[in-house]
Structure formats: C-alpha cells, structure tokens
Amino acid sequence: MKKILICVLLTIISLTLGCDRGSGSINGTSFNSALRSVNRIKPYLPAEQQLEFESGFWFLKDWSENDEKFLEWVHRKDAAEIIALAKEQFEFQKSERNPDLAEYATWDAMIQQIRDQRKLQEENKRSKNATRKQQSS
C-alpha cells in the first residue's frame, strides 16, 4: 500500500512539473534570467507566435529607457502579455512619429517583414550550403 501511495505522489509531482514548463512567465530579475525565460517559453508556443513573441521581447528591449525599466516591463509576463505590451509600445512610438518605424503601417506589417527577412536568410543559407556540397563533390 505504501508503494502505491509513493508511486501516485511521484506521478502527481511529475505531471505538475511537466505541465508547467511551457506556460511560464519571464523571470525579470536580471537580463540573463529574462533571456533564459524567453528561450524556455518560445518552443512551447505555436510556430506563428514564436517570432512575434521574440520580436516583441527585443522591441521592448530596444525602446526601453534602460535595462531596469525593461526588466520591470517584462518581469512575470507571459508570451501573450509581452506581445500585447510590444504592440502597445509600437503604437505609442508610431504616434510619436518615430522615424525608425515610419516604414511600417502596423505591428503586423513589421512582424511580416521580419518573417520575410528570416525566410530569405534561410533560403540564402540553404543555397550556399548546396553550392558548397556541389563544390566539394
């Protein structure tokens, strides 16, 4: 009976720990902790949301006054909150007529351009690798 109870407890503990891995929030106690949190959360997001989450994180980093302010923004936020906060900051910067954002009509347009750039980089990388393989053969 004791063995069954121990097995049940271990199973419950394992499931509790395992189910929480991807649903975490960002640990903003330091920049390195925040970055580790992003790298831990990102793989558990749907593929189309991963780029928006990562871009939102870096967008907030770029537009924060300093690291302390940035860490305040992201601490204990989940992926959806980071994306919403980045969109809000994007709209604020657009309303301030920030010249760095003039080429983007919307947040989604900026994300789409980043997505297109990444695709192009991947295609260039693949074609270079294919060329190298042909040259070495």
Protein backbone atom coordinates (compact mmCIF):
# COMPACT_ATOMS: atom_id res chain seq x y z
CA MET A 1 0.00 0.00 0.00
CA LYS A 2 2.86 2.36 0.83
CA LYS A 3 4.47 1.69 -2.56
CA ILE A 4 1.27 2.56 -4.39
CA LEU A 5 0.91 5.79 -2.43
CA ILE A 6 4.53 6.75 -3.21
CA CYS A 7 4.03 5.96 -6.91
CA VAL A 8 0.85 8.07 -7.03
CA LEU A 9 2.58 11.01 -5.33
CA LEU A 10 5.58 10.82 -7.65
CA THR A 11 3.27 10.70 -10.68
CA ILE A 12 1.34 13.74 -9.49
CA ILE A 13 4.54 15.67 -8.83
CA SER A 14 5.96 14.72 -12.24
CA LEU A 15 2.80 15.77 -14.05
CA THR A 16 2.63 19.04 -12.16
CA LEU A 17 6.21 19.93 -13.02
CA GLY A 18 5.99 18.72 -16.61
CA CYS A 19 2.76 20.50 -17.46
CA ASP A 20 4.02 23.87 -16.29
CA ARG A 21 7.19 24.06 -18.38
CA GLY A 22 5.83 25.90 -21.41
CA SER A 23 3.30 28.10 -19.69
CA GLY A 24 5.79 30.09 -17.67
CA SER A 25 6.38 33.73 -17.36
CA ILE A 26 9.55 35.73 -17.77
CA ASN A 27 11.90 35.98 -14.83
CA GLY A 28 12.95 39.63 -14.97
CA THR A 29 15.34 39.61 -12.03
CA SER A 30 18.24 40.02 -14.47
CA PHE A 31 18.69 40.28 -18.21
CA ASN A 32 20.25 36.81 -18.41
CA SER A 33 17.32 35.33 -16.49
CA ALA A 34 14.87 37.07 -18.82
CA LEU A 35 16.70 35.75 -21.87
CA ARG A 36 16.71 32.21 -20.47
CA SER A 37 12.98 32.54 -19.83
CA VAL A 38 12.35 33.57 -23.44
CA ASN A 39 14.37 30.61 -24.70
CA ARG A 40 12.43 28.31 -22.37
CA ILE A 41 8.97 29.64 -23.29
CA LYS A 42 9.40 30.07 -27.06
CA PRO A 43 9.49 26.38 -28.12
CA TYR A 44 6.12 25.76 -26.47
CA LEU A 45 4.35 28.49 -28.44
CA PRO A 46 2.60 27.88 -31.76
CA ALA A 47 5.06 28.39 -34.64
CA GLU A 48 3.36 31.55 -35.89
CA GLN A 49 3.52 33.13 -32.42
CA GLN A 50 7.19 32.36 -31.71
CA LEU A 51 8.56 35.09 -33.96
CA GLU A 52 6.08 37.66 -32.68
CA PHE A 53 6.98 36.83 -29.07
CA GLU A 54 10.72 37.00 -29.69
CA SER A 55 10.40 40.20 -31.74
CA GLY A 56 8.19 41.76 -29.08
CA PHE A 57 10.76 40.96 -26.40
CA TRP A 58 13.58 42.60 -28.38
CA PHE A 59 11.36 45.50 -29.44
CA LEU A 60 10.67 46.28 -25.78
CA LYS A 61 14.39 45.97 -25.01
CA ASP A 62 15.28 48.42 -27.79
CA TRP A 63 12.70 51.01 -26.76
CA SER A 64 13.16 50.87 -23.01
CA GLU A 65 14.90 53.74 -21.29
CA ASN A 66 17.32 51.40 -19.55
CA ASP A 67 17.73 47.76 -18.52
CA GLU A 68 15.98 48.33 -15.21
CA LYS A 69 12.88 49.71 -16.93
CA PHE A 70 12.94 46.88 -19.45
CA LEU A 71 13.11 44.23 -16.72
CA GLU A 72 10.19 45.92 -14.94
CA TRP A 73 8.16 45.70 -18.16
CA VAL A 74 8.80 42.02 -18.78
CA HIS A 75 9.01 40.57 -15.25
CA ARG A 76 6.32 37.92 -14.65
CA LYS A 77 4.75 38.46 -18.07
CA ASP A 78 3.76 35.54 -20.26
CA ALA A 79 4.08 35.42 -24.05
CA ALA A 80 0.66 36.96 -24.74
CA GLU A 81 1.36 39.82 -22.34
CA ILE A 82 4.78 40.51 -23.94
CA ILE A 83 3.20 40.64 -27.39
CA ALA A 84 0.41 42.95 -26.19
CA LEU A 85 2.90 45.22 -24.41
CA ALA A 86 5.12 45.38 -27.51
CA LYS A 87 2.12 46.26 -29.70
CA GLU A 88 1.17 48.99 -27.25
CA GLN A 89 4.72 50.37 -27.30
CA PHE A 90 4.75 50.16 -31.11
CA GLU A 91 1.55 52.23 -31.30
CA PHE A 92 2.96 54.76 -28.85
CA GLN A 93 6.19 55.11 -30.85
CA LYS A 94 4.19 55.43 -34.09
CA SER A 95 2.05 58.17 -32.53
CA GLU A 96 5.25 59.98 -31.52
CA ARG A 97 6.22 59.84 -35.23
CA ASN A 98 9.35 57.87 -34.56
CA PRO A 99 11.27 57.79 -37.87
CA ASP A 100 12.57 54.25 -37.24
CA LEU A 101 9.02 52.93 -37.53
CA ALA A 102 7.84 55.07 -40.45
CA GLU A 103 8.14 52.22 -42.94
CA TYR A 104 5.68 50.02 -41.01
CA ALA A 105 1.95 50.72 -41.19
CA THR A 106 1.14 48.35 -38.34
CA TRP A 107 2.71 45.94 -35.86
CA ASP A 108 1.58 43.04 -38.06
CA ALA A 109 3.28 44.60 -41.10
CA MET A 110 6.54 44.85 -39.15
CA ILE A 111 6.27 41.22 -37.99
CA GLN A 112 5.53 40.11 -41.56
CA GLN A 113 8.62 41.93 -42.84
CA ILE A 114 10.75 40.26 -40.16
CA ARG A 115 9.23 36.90 -41.12
CA ASP A 116 10.01 37.54 -44.81
CA GLN A 117 13.60 38.54 -43.97
CA ARG A 118 14.10 35.34 -41.97
CA LYS A 119 12.74 33.23 -44.84
CA LEU A 120 15.11 34.94 -47.24
CA GLN A 121 18.05 34.37 -44.89
CA GLU A 122 17.16 30.68 -44.59
CA GLU A 123 16.87 30.32 -48.37
CA ASN A 124 20.25 32.03 -48.88
CA LYS A 125 21.81 29.79 -46.26
CA ARG A 126 20.39 26.66 -47.92
CA SER A 127 21.60 27.72 -51.37
CA LYS A 128 25.09 28.44 -50.01
CA ASN A 129 25.18 25.03 -48.33
CA ALA A 130 24.03 23.34 -51.55
CA THR A 131 26.76 25.19 -53.51
CA ARG A 132 29.40 24.09 -51.02
CA LYS A 133 28.29 20.48 -51.25
CA GLN A 134 28.47 20.60 -55.04
CA GLN A 135 31.95 22.15 -54.94
CA SER A 136 33.26 19.56 -52.53
CA SER A 137 31.93 16.65 -54.59
